[in-house]
PDB file of N, CA and C in Angstrom:
ATOM      1  N   MET A   1       1.200 -19.201 -16.878  1.00  0.00           N
ATOM      2  CA  MET A   1       1.642 -18.029 -17.603  1.00  0.00           C
ATOM      3  C   MET A   1       0.413 -17.192 -17.946  1.00  0.00           C
ATOM      4  N   ALA A   2       0.500 -15.905 -17.758  1.00  0.00           N
ATOM      5  CA  ALA A   2      -0.650 -15.055 -18.003  1.00  0.00           C
ATOM      6  C   ALA A   2      -0.530 -14.298 -19.317  1.00  0.00           C
ATOM      7  N   PHE A   3       0.398 -13.381 -19.398  1.00  0.00           N
ATOM      8  CA  PHE A   3       0.566 -12.571 -20.600  1.00  0.00           C
ATOM      9  C   PHE A   3       1.834 -12.968 -21.344  1.00  0.00           C
ATOM     10  N   ILE A   4       1.780 -12.830 -22.670  1.00  0.00           N
ATOM     11  CA  ILE A   4       2.894 -13.190 -23.540  1.00  0.00           C
ATOM     12  C   ILE A   4       3.199 -11.998 -24.438  1.00  0.00           C
ATOM     13  N   ILE A   5       4.472 -11.680 -24.596  1.00  0.00           N
ATOM     14  CA  ILE A   5       4.888 -10.646 -25.542  1.00  0.00           C
ATOM     15  C   ILE A   5       5.258 -11.356 -26.839  1.00  0.00           C
ATOM     16  N   THR A   6       4.746 -10.845 -27.954  1.00  0.00           N
ATOM     17  CA  THR A   6       4.861 -11.534 -29.238  1.00  0.00           C
ATOM     18  C   THR A   6       5.672 -10.753 -30.275  1.00  0.00           C
ATOM     19  N   SER A   7       5.628 -11.215 -31.511  1.00  0.00           N
ATOM     20  CA  SER A   7       6.488 -10.734 -32.594  1.00  0.00           C
ATOM     21  C   SER A   7       6.506  -9.224 -32.847  1.00  0.00           C
ATOM     22  N   PRO A   8       5.418  -8.481 -32.682  1.00  0.00           N
ATOM     23  CA  PRO A   8       5.521  -7.040 -32.937  1.00  0.00           C
ATOM     24  C   PRO A   8       6.558  -6.335 -32.047  1.00  0.00           C
ATOM     25  N   CYS A   9       6.899  -6.933 -30.917  1.00  0.00           N
ATOM     26  CA  CYS A   9       7.903  -6.352 -30.014  1.00  0.00           C
ATOM     27  C   CYS A   9       9.320  -6.570 -30.529  1.00  0.00           C
ATOM     28  N   LYS A  10       9.501  -7.612 -31.305  1.00  0.00           N
ATOM     29  CA  LYS A  10      10.844  -7.961 -31.768  1.00  0.00           C
ATOM     30  C   LYS A  10      11.478  -6.774 -32.488  1.00  0.00           C
ATOM     31  N   ASP A  11      12.619  -6.370 -32.017  1.00  0.00           N
ATOM     32  CA  ASP A  11      13.384  -5.231 -32.528  1.00  0.00           C
ATOM     33  C   ASP A  11      12.704  -3.874 -32.302  1.00  0.00           C
ATOM     34  N   GLU A  12      11.579  -3.841 -31.611  1.00  0.00           N
ATOM     35  CA  GLU A  12      10.871  -2.584 -31.320  1.00  0.00           C
ATOM     36  C   GLU A  12      11.278  -2.055 -29.945  1.00  0.00           C
ATOM     37  N   LYS A  13      10.993  -2.873 -28.919  1.00  0.00           N
ATOM     38  CA  LYS A  13      11.360  -2.584 -27.537  1.00  0.00           C
ATOM     39  C   LYS A  13      11.001  -1.164 -27.099  1.00  0.00           C
ATOM     40  N   ALA A  14       9.732  -0.808 -27.213  1.00  0.00           N
ATOM     41  CA  ALA A  14       9.264   0.524 -26.851  1.00  0.00           C
ATOM     42  C   ALA A  14       9.349   0.780 -25.340  1.00  0.00           C
ATOM     43  N   ALA A  15       9.161  -0.205 -24.516  1.00  0.00           N
ATOM     44  CA  ALA A  15       9.350  -0.174 -23.061  1.00  0.00           C
ATOM     45  C   ALA A  15       8.242   0.463 -22.235  1.00  0.00           C
ATOM     46  N   GLU A  16       7.155   0.890 -22.825  1.00  0.00           N
ATOM     47  CA  GLU A  16       6.045   1.405 -22.024  1.00  0.00           C
ATOM     48  C   GLU A  16       5.551   0.345 -21.043  1.00  0.00           C
ATOM     49  N   CYS A  17       5.596  -0.908 -21.469  1.00  0.00           N
ATOM     50  CA  CYS A  17       5.145  -2.008 -20.623  1.00  0.00           C
ATOM     51  C   CYS A  17       5.971  -2.112 -19.344  1.00  0.00           C
ATOM     52  N   VAL A  18       7.257  -1.927 -19.466  1.00  0.00           N
ATOM     53  CA  VAL A  18       8.151  -2.011 -18.310  1.00  0.00           C
ATOM     54  C   VAL A  18       7.816  -0.918 -17.303  1.00  0.00           C
ATOM     55  N   GLU A  19       7.534   0.264 -17.807  1.00  0.00           N
ATOM     56  CA  GLU A  19       7.262   1.420 -16.947  1.00  0.00           C
ATOM     57  C   GLU A  19       5.985   1.260 -16.129  1.00  0.00           C
ATOM     58  N   VAL A  20       4.973   0.567 -16.649  1.00  0.00           N
ATOM     59  CA  VAL A  20       3.695   0.466 -15.944  1.00  0.00           C
ATOM     60  C   VAL A  20       3.535  -0.810 -15.116  1.00  0.00           C
ATOM     61  N   CYS A  21       4.423  -1.762 -15.274  1.00  0.00           N
ATOM     62  CA  CYS A  21       4.285  -3.028 -14.552  1.00  0.00           C
ATOM     63  C   CYS A  21       4.465  -2.816 -13.050  1.00  0.00           C
ATOM     64  N   PRO A  22       3.438  -3.137 -12.255  1.00  0.00           N
ATOM     65  CA  PRO A  22       3.525  -2.907 -10.808  1.00  0.00           C
ATOM     66  C   PRO A  22       4.420  -3.895 -10.061  1.00  0.00           C
ATOM     67  N   VAL A  23       4.783  -5.010 -10.705  1.00  0.00           N
ATOM     68  CA  VAL A  23       5.596  -6.023 -10.021  1.00  0.00           C
ATOM     69  C   VAL A  23       6.937  -6.275 -10.696  1.00  0.00           C
ATOM     70  N   ASP A  24       7.290  -5.450 -11.660  1.00  0.00           N
ATOM     71  CA  ASP A  24       8.571  -5.581 -12.373  1.00  0.00           C
ATOM     72  C   ASP A  24       8.822  -6.985 -12.913  1.00  0.00           C
ATOM     73  N   CYS A  25       7.835  -7.507 -13.616  1.00  0.00           N
ATOM     74  CA  CYS A  25       7.983  -8.868 -14.153  1.00  0.00           C
ATOM     75  C   CYS A  25       8.451  -8.889 -15.601  1.00  0.00           C
ATOM     76  N   ILE A  26       8.673  -7.723 -16.200  1.00  0.00           N
ATOM     77  CA  ILE A  26       9.072  -7.669 -17.602  1.00  0.00           C
ATOM     78  C   ILE A  26      10.570  -7.432 -17.691  1.00  0.00           C
ATOM     79  N   GLU A  27      11.232  -8.343 -18.390  1.00  0.00           N
ATOM     80  CA  GLU A  27      12.686  -8.259 -18.522  1.00  0.00           C
ATOM     81  C   GLU A  27      13.074  -8.034 -19.976  1.00  0.00           C
ATOM     82  N   GLU A  28      14.154  -7.298 -20.168  1.00  0.00           N
ATOM     83  CA  GLU A  28      14.642  -7.004 -21.503  1.00  0.00           C
ATOM     84  C   GLU A  28      15.585  -8.088 -21.973  1.00  0.00           C
ATOM     85  N   GLY A  29      15.315  -8.593 -23.161  1.00  0.00           N
ATOM     86  CA  GLY A  29      16.195  -9.550 -23.799  1.00  0.00           C
ATOM     87  C   GLY A  29      16.987  -8.862 -24.889  1.00  0.00           C
ATOM     88  N   LYS A  30      17.697  -9.638 -25.667  1.00  0.00           N
ATOM     89  CA  LYS A  30      18.537  -9.090 -26.725  1.00  0.00           C
ATOM     90  C   LYS A  30      17.742  -8.281 -27.752  1.00  0.00           C
ATOM     91  N   ASP A  31      16.591  -8.826 -28.178  1.00  0.00           N
ATOM     92  CA  ASP A  31      15.836  -8.153 -29.228  1.00  0.00           C
ATOM     93  C   ASP A  31      14.375  -7.867 -28.898  1.00  0.00           C
ATOM     94  N   MET A  32      13.931  -8.206 -27.678  1.00  0.00           N
ATOM     95  CA  MET A  32      12.552  -7.933 -27.267  1.00  0.00           C
ATOM     96  C   MET A  32      12.424  -8.070 -25.753  1.00  0.00           C
ATOM     97  N   PHE A  33      11.246  -7.792 -25.228  1.00  0.00           N
ATOM     98  CA  PHE A  33      10.969  -7.953 -23.807  1.00  0.00           C
ATOM     99  C   PHE A  33      10.246  -9.275 -23.558  1.00  0.00           C
ATOM    100  N   TYR A  34      10.325  -9.746 -22.305  1.00  0.00           N
ATOM    101  CA  TYR A  34       9.705 -11.006 -21.907  1.00  0.00           C
ATOM    102  C   TYR A  34       9.028 -10.822 -20.559  1.00  0.00           C
ATOM    103  N   ILE A  35       7.914 -11.513 -20.347  1.00  0.00           N
ATOM    104  CA  ILE A  35       7.176 -11.444 -19.084  1.00  0.00           C
ATOM    105  C   ILE A  35       7.456 -12.708 -18.287  1.00  0.00           C
ATOM    106  N   ASP A  36       7.932 -12.516 -17.062  1.00  0.00           N
ATOM    107  CA  ASP A  36       8.218 -13.651 -16.180  1.00  0.00           C
ATOM    108  C   ASP A  36       6.897 -14.180 -15.624  1.00  0.00           C
ATOM    109  N   PRO A  37       6.500 -15.381 -15.998  1.00  0.00           N
ATOM    110  CA  PRO A  37       5.205 -15.906 -15.562  1.00  0.00           C
ATOM    111  C   PRO A  37       5.128 -16.189 -14.068  1.00  0.00           C
ATOM    112  N   ASP A  38       6.275 -16.329 -13.409  1.00  0.00           N
ATOM    113  CA  ASP A  38       6.273 -16.586 -11.968  1.00  0.00           C
ATOM    114  C   ASP A  38       6.050 -15.316 -11.154  1.00  0.00           C
ATOM    115  N   ILE A  39       6.239 -14.161 -11.778  1.00  0.00           N
ATOM    116  CA  ILE A  39       6.085 -12.884 -11.077  1.00  0.00           C
ATOM    117  C   ILE A  39       4.816 -12.150 -11.506  1.00  0.00           C
ATOM    118  N   CYS A  40       4.406 -12.312 -12.757  1.00  0.00           N
ATOM    119  CA  CYS A  40       3.235 -11.614 -13.311  1.00  0.00           C
ATOM    120  C   CYS A  40       1.992 -11.866 -12.452  1.00  0.00           C
ATOM    121  N   ILE A  41       1.262 -10.785 -12.156  1.00  0.00           N
ATOM    122  CA  ILE A  41       0.038 -10.905 -11.360  1.00  0.00           C
ATOM    123  C   ILE A  41      -1.218 -10.822 -12.232  1.00  0.00           C
ATOM    124  N   ASP A  42      -1.045 -10.861 -13.552  1.00  0.00           N
ATOM    125  CA  ASP A  42      -2.169 -10.916 -14.476  1.00  0.00           C
ATOM    126  C   ASP A  42      -3.040  -9.655 -14.420  1.00  0.00           C
ATOM    127  N   CYS A  43      -2.414  -8.492 -14.235  1.00  0.00           N
ATOM    128  CA  CYS A  43      -3.177  -7.243 -14.095  1.00  0.00           C
ATOM    129  C   CYS A  43      -3.555  -6.621 -15.433  1.00  0.00           C
ATOM    130  N   GLY A  44      -2.790  -6.886 -16.488  1.00  0.00           N
ATOM    131  CA  GLY A  44      -3.104  -6.357 -17.804  1.00  0.00           C
ATOM    132  C   GLY A  44      -2.612  -4.949 -18.081  1.00  0.00           C
ATOM    133  N   ALA A  45      -1.903  -4.337 -17.149  1.00  0.00           N
ATOM    134  CA  ALA A  45      -1.417  -2.966 -17.348  1.00  0.00           C
ATOM    135  C   ALA A  45      -0.501  -2.874 -18.561  1.00  0.00           C
ATOM    136  N   CYS A  46       0.324  -3.872 -18.756  1.00  0.00           N
ATOM    137  CA  CYS A  46       1.268  -3.865 -19.881  1.00  0.00           C
ATOM    138  C   CYS A  46       0.543  -3.939 -21.222  1.00  0.00           C
ATOM    139  N   GLU A  47      -0.465  -4.769 -21.290  1.00  0.00           N
ATOM    140  CA  GLU A  47      -1.220  -4.941 -22.534  1.00  0.00           C
ATOM    141  C   GLU A  47      -1.864  -3.629 -22.972  1.00  0.00           C
ATOM    142  N   ALA A  48      -2.382  -2.886 -22.021  1.00  0.00           N
ATOM    143  CA  ALA A  48      -3.089  -1.642 -22.329  1.00  0.00           C
ATOM    144  C   ALA A  48      -2.197  -0.551 -22.902  1.00  0.00           C
ATOM    145  N   VAL A  49      -0.909  -0.552 -22.565  1.00  0.00           N
ATOM    146  CA  VAL A  49      -0.023   0.532 -23.017  1.00  0.00           C
ATOM    147  C   VAL A  49       0.911   0.155 -24.165  1.00  0.00           C
ATOM    148  N   CYS A  50       0.901  -1.067 -24.597  1.00  0.00           N
ATOM    149  CA  CYS A  50       1.823  -1.500 -25.651  1.00  0.00           C
ATOM    150  C   CYS A  50       1.491  -0.792 -26.972  1.00  0.00           C
ATOM    151  N   PRO A  51       2.411   0.036 -27.480  1.00  0.00           N
ATOM    152  CA  PRO A  51       2.118   0.796 -28.697  1.00  0.00           C
ATOM    153  C   PRO A  51       2.090  -0.041 -29.976  1.00  0.00           C
ATOM    154  N   VAL A  52       2.638  -1.249 -29.927  1.00  0.00           N
ATOM    155  CA  VAL A  52       2.649  -2.107 -31.116  1.00  0.00           C
ATOM    156  C   VAL A  52       1.712  -3.311 -30.966  1.00  0.00           C
ATOM    157  N   GLU A  53       0.920  -3.317 -29.895  1.00  0.00           N
ATOM    158  CA  GLU A  53      -0.056  -4.382 -29.627  1.00  0.00           C
ATOM    159  C   GLU A  53       0.577  -5.771 -29.687  1.00  0.00           C
ATOM    160  N   ALA A  54       1.684  -5.920 -28.967  1.00  0.00           N
ATOM    161  CA  ALA A  54       2.424  -7.179 -28.961  1.00  0.00           C
ATOM    162  C   ALA A  54       2.092  -8.072 -27.776  1.00  0.00           C
ATOM    163  N   ILE A  55       1.306  -7.583 -26.821  1.00  0.00           N
ATOM    164  CA  ILE A  55       1.061  -8.329 -25.589  1.00  0.00           C
ATOM    165  C   ILE A  55      -0.362  -8.885 -25.592  1.00  0.00           C
ATOM    166  N   TYR A  56      -0.440 -10.192 -25.326  1.00  0.00           N
ATOM    167  CA  TYR A  56      -1.726 -10.885 -25.293  1.00  0.00           C
ATOM    168  C   TYR A  56      -1.807 -11.735 -24.039  1.00  0.00           C
ATOM    169  N   HIS A  57      -3.026 -11.892 -23.533  1.00  0.00           N
ATOM    170  CA  HIS A  57      -3.245 -12.899 -22.510  1.00  0.00           C
ATOM    171  C   HIS A  57      -3.090 -14.241 -23.214  1.00  0.00           C
ATOM    172  N   GLU A  58      -2.512 -15.197 -22.547  1.00  0.00           N
ATOM    173  CA  GLU A  58      -2.252 -16.496 -23.177  1.00  0.00           C
ATOM    174  C   GLU A  58      -3.517 -17.105 -23.792  1.00  0.00           C
ATOM    175  N   ASP A  59      -4.655 -16.934 -23.160  1.00  0.00           N
ATOM    176  CA  ASP A  59      -5.911 -17.487 -23.670  1.00  0.00           C
ATOM    177  C   ASP A  59      -6.378 -16.808 -24.957  1.00  0.00           C
ATOM    178  N   GLU A  60      -5.863 -15.613 -25.236  1.00  0.00           N
ATOM    179  CA  GLU A  60      -6.289 -14.849 -26.414  1.00  0.00           C
ATOM    180  C   GLU A  60      -5.191 -14.739 -27.469  1.00  0.00           C
ATOM    181  N   LEU A  61      -4.140 -15.507 -27.300  1.00  0.00           N
ATOM    182  CA  LEU A  61      -2.997 -15.458 -28.202  1.00  0.00           C
ATOM    183  C   LEU A  61      -3.393 -15.949 -29.603  1.00  0.00           C
ATOM    184  N   PRO A  62      -3.140 -15.137 -30.652  1.00  0.00           N
ATOM    185  CA  PRO A  62      -3.438 -15.605 -32.009  1.00  0.00           C
ATOM    186  C   PRO A  62      -2.622 -16.857 -32.338  1.00  0.00           C
ATOM    187  N   GLU A  63      -3.186 -17.722 -33.119  1.00  0.00           N
ATOM    188  CA  GLU A  63      -2.526 -18.983 -33.470  1.00  0.00           C
ATOM    189  C   GLU A  63      -1.124 -18.762 -34.031  1.00  0.00           C
ATOM    190  N   GLU A  64      -0.958 -17.736 -34.880  1.00  0.00           N
ATOM    191  CA  GLU A  64       0.339 -17.489 -35.508  1.00  0.00           C
ATOM    192  C   GLU A  64       1.395 -16.967 -34.516  1.00  0.00           C
ATOM    193  N   GLU A  65       0.990 -16.639 -33.299  1.00  0.00           N
ATOM    194  CA  GLU A  65       1.933 -16.154 -32.280  1.00  0.00           C
ATOM    195  C   GLU A  65       2.180 -17.172 -31.164  1.00  0.00           C
ATOM    196  N   ARG A  66       1.600 -18.342 -31.274  1.00  0.00           N
ATOM    197  CA  ARG A  66       1.694 -19.348 -30.202  1.00  0.00           C
ATOM    198  C   ARG A  66       3.124 -19.785 -29.914  1.00  0.00           C
ATOM    199  N   GLU A  67       4.010 -19.695 -30.893  1.00  0.00           N
ATOM    200  CA  GLU A  67       5.407 -20.077 -30.672  1.00  0.00           C
ATOM    201  C   GLU A  67       6.059 -19.226 -29.586  1.00  0.00           C
ATOM    202  N   TYR A  68       5.506 -18.053 -29.304  1.00  0.00           N
ATOM    203  CA  TYR A  68       6.088 -17.178 -28.300  1.00  0.00           C
ATOM    204  C   TYR A  68       5.885 -17.674 -26.870  1.00  0.00           C
ATOM    205  N   ILE A  69       4.985 -18.603 -26.675  1.00  0.00           N
ATOM    206  CA  ILE A  69       4.857 -19.241 -25.360  1.00  0.00           C
ATOM    207  C   ILE A  69       6.166 -19.963 -25.050  1.00  0.00           C
ATOM    208  N   GLU A  70       6.639 -20.751 -25.990  1.00  0.00           N
ATOM    209  CA  GLU A  70       7.886 -21.500 -25.802  1.00  0.00           C
ATOM    210  C   GLU A  70       9.100 -20.576 -25.801  1.00  0.00           C
ATOM    211  N   ILE A  71       9.095 -19.564 -26.639  1.00  0.00           N
ATOM    212  CA  ILE A  71      10.204 -18.603 -26.666  1.00  0.00           C
ATOM    213  C   ILE A  71      10.328 -17.913 -25.302  1.00  0.00           C
ATOM    214  N   ASN A  72       9.213 -17.525 -24.722  1.00  0.00           N
ATOM    215  CA  ASN A  72       9.203 -16.896 -23.400  1.00  0.00           C
ATOM    216  C   ASN A  72       9.712 -17.874 -22.340  1.00  0.00           C
ATOM    217  N   ARG A  73       9.228 -19.098 -22.400  1.00  0.00           N
ATOM    218  CA  ARG A  73       9.627 -20.117 -21.424  1.00  0.00           C
ATOM    219  C   ARG A  73      11.150 -20.351 -21.460  1.00  0.00           C
ATOM    220  N   LYS A  74      11.686 -20.449 -22.673  1.00  0.00           N
ATOM    221  CA  LYS A  74      13.136 -20.670 -22.814  1.00  0.00           C
ATOM    222  C   LYS A  74      13.950 -19.492 -22.287  1.00  0.00           C
ATOM    223  N   PHE A  75      13.463 -18.271 -22.487  1.00  0.00           N
ATOM    224  CA  PHE A  75      14.181 -17.086 -22.002  1.00  0.00           C
ATOM    225  C   PHE A  75      14.389 -17.170 -20.495  1.00  0.00           C
ATOM    226  N   PHE A  76      13.381 -17.587 -19.766  1.00  0.00           N
ATOM    227  CA  PHE A  76      13.478 -17.640 -18.306  1.00  0.00           C
ATOM    228  C   PHE A  76      14.138 -18.920 -17.789  1.00  0.00           C
ATOM    229  N   GLN A  77      14.375 -19.897 -18.632  1.00  0.00           N
ATOM    230  CA  GLN A  77      15.101 -21.096 -18.230  1.00  0.00           C
ATOM    231  C   GLN A  77      16.604 -20.873 -18.302  1.00  0.00           C
ATOM    232  N   GLU A  78      17.030 -19.910 -19.109  1.00  0.00           N
ATOM    233  CA  GLU A  78      18.477 -19.686 -19.309  1.00  0.00           C
ATOM    234  C   GLU A  78      19.079 -18.875 -18.210  1.00  0.00           C
TER     235      GLU A  78
END
């Protein structure tokens, strides 16, 4: 998994990330967006345009947002 969308996206869903993704790996969920780790090419385009700074590379994910790794994983398992 490369990039993770975290809590600032919840109920925000600004969608700039979706528009710039070159591989269409960002999917809309009920209350936020999710990045498909099997499709993401780790380009960082989404992170640069996120107006609420909700997207992090997994290696740079703040400790308080680590639960979003599992939340993202579950979204794509369903």
